Amino acid sequence: MKSLQEAVDLAPPGAEIVVGNGTFAEQVDVDTPNVTIRAADGASPVLTAPENATGSVLTVSAPDVTLDGFTVDAGGRTTGLTVDGADDATIDDVTVRNATTGIALDAANGAVVDGNAVRNAAVGIDANAPGASVTDNTVEDVTTGLRFGTANATDVRQNDVSAETGVLVDGADADAVSLRFNDLEATDVAVESTVDETFDARLNYFGDRGPANTTFTGDVAHEPFLTAHPENVNTDSPTKIGVDLDMPATAGNGQATYYTVGIPGPTDQTVGDILGPFDGTVYGYDAGSSQWEQLTDDSSVDALDALLVATTSDARAMLTFQHTQGPPSPPGQATLGEGWNFVAAPQYAGADDAFGVSSGDPSLVQEYATQPNGQLGPRSELTGTYELGSDEPGPNVSAFTGYYVYSESAGTLPTYLTSDPTMQELYDGLNIATDDRGLPISDASVTTMRTVSPEDVTVDSKANAEPLPSLPATFYGTVTVDGEPVPAGTTVTVKVGGEKRGTFTVGENGKLGVASGTAKKLVVAGTKDDAGAPVTFSVDGTTATTDSKVTWHQGQVESVHLSVKSGTSSRTSDDSKASSDEKQQSKERHPLLA
């Protein structure tokens, strides 16, 4: 037969229509129940829209119809394939292209849409189909990938969507669509929801670093998300999951905004893995030396470590708790030294409940910088200094926030989160309460971001503890002699108020570090007494000039350009004491400075 519609009209219920190679320019309505239409083995039949076509190229209006293995080309004028009021349709291995809507399910109860491809359409799959299953489909080059209107209990899994808007939930109940294990990386807006309740979009894949390059519109819960492509995830018990924290740079004018990021469980990540690209710098606190240390790309982290992020650009942290080698790590513990420690809270809990379990004697918890946005649990209620030891649980603290904790004696602080947790194990380990849909319950009383800068933080004068150590300043930029970059290996020395505070070995192309937050920079220690003191630099002992006056301020992240002229020999008394070997090395690098 040359007409597919003619074959359909002649087929009795239960018949199978096998279609060979060929192009059929017609609109087809399948109105006979329990009919299967499939491509012959090795064949690729194509059904195309006639010039005057309206509505849909292929319509299924009878129940229990199966379509398998052919292509529908709508010519950009119509819907490709519609299941209209017909129950239990199966659409498998069908390609729809050049359509207004690729596949439309209209009151198609129990439809199964599996393993299909939709390309070049306004809407990829539009499902208003209670009990439908939309799985393993590829939808690309579309405006809206998957749309759900009056759907009820629709299962949407392992679809690969490339679209301006990946998933649009428009009119369906918030709990009507189960959206899991879909690849939504190549979307501008991953999920848009217009419903009143929170839409659950957790355990989907938005890219290797989570939703770094996509957004969400409406009330959408997307964390935890997958950190590996769905095909590499155990969907029965997924543990390759992560959470996302936002740290907007709100200070402006090149000034740093400060955040504390807590690591509440074991992870194989490095600082670079966690933070990704941003401008600024990162510090960790060494309780043994009571000093802040600059952290770089490959710096490792342990459970209950805390990071201080000074950012001059919007930054994100992505945290995973995966253990890639050997058996999963059990809950562990962090060491608290006598004095100040900078640590994460092990759980979302009151401060006494979170830190009072230490085997040491923690007495104070101090807020130090702004807490990141987008946490799984409620925002921290702690402000200023809190004295532990109350019979009450105290102000809530957040597991993904870092705190200064003062301990009267050394001890340990336990973690509750194991490595490789499932979503529920993550919630349980961090003490996150969930509702009847399994979504985290947030405390609506603390929702606004409160900006805190270390420069303004002081310990309550009533507290019996030494002052907090000051953050160092960091500098990065370029070093030139007569306008040309100095050679790699050149030494830059920095002084604050005439006192030597540090050195830096210049890298390739005269780089004194770079803006990247996890790159090495020139770190300059100081105290609050140094605030406003002049900062001066020398290059292999020769005084350098800067584009503008530089003064020391706690925690500053500043770009500087150092320049020297050949033939200059202005040296400080300390510089003049350099050994003959050091002077000879300087001559070999740039003899004009000698």
Foldseek 3Di string as FASTA:
>chain_A
DLAPQVVLVPDAAQEEAEDAADEAAAAHENAHENYEYEYDVPGEYEYEHHPPDEEERYEYAEENYEYYHYEYEDQLHYEHYEYALYEAYEYAAYEYENHQEDYEYHCHEAYEYAHYEYAHYQEYYEDLYENYEHEHYEYENYAEYYEYAQYAQYEYEAYEYAHQEDYEYHHYPLPRYHAAQYEQQNYQADYEYPDDDEHENEHYHNEQQGVPRHHYHDRYDHPFYANDRSVPADVVFGLRTKFKWKDAQDPDPQWWFKFKFAQQAADFAAPCLFKPWFFAWKWWADPVVLAIDTFFNGHHDGHFTMMITTGNHIIMTMDHQADDDDDWFAWFKDKDAAAKHKTFFQAFWQPCVRFVVWPFAWFKKADAWWYTPRDQEEDWPDHGMDTHDDPDSHTTHHRGGIIIIHTNHMTIGIHQQIGSHGPVSVCVRRVFDADPVRGGDYDPVDDDTDGHHNLPHWHDPPDPHDTRFFAWAWEWEFEEEPPFGFAFQKKKWKDWLNHTFFIATAHHRRIQWDRTHNIDHTTGGDGPVQFFTWMWMAILFHTWDWPDTDGTDTSTYYYIYTYHYFPGHDGDPVSVPDDPVSVVVVCVRPVSND
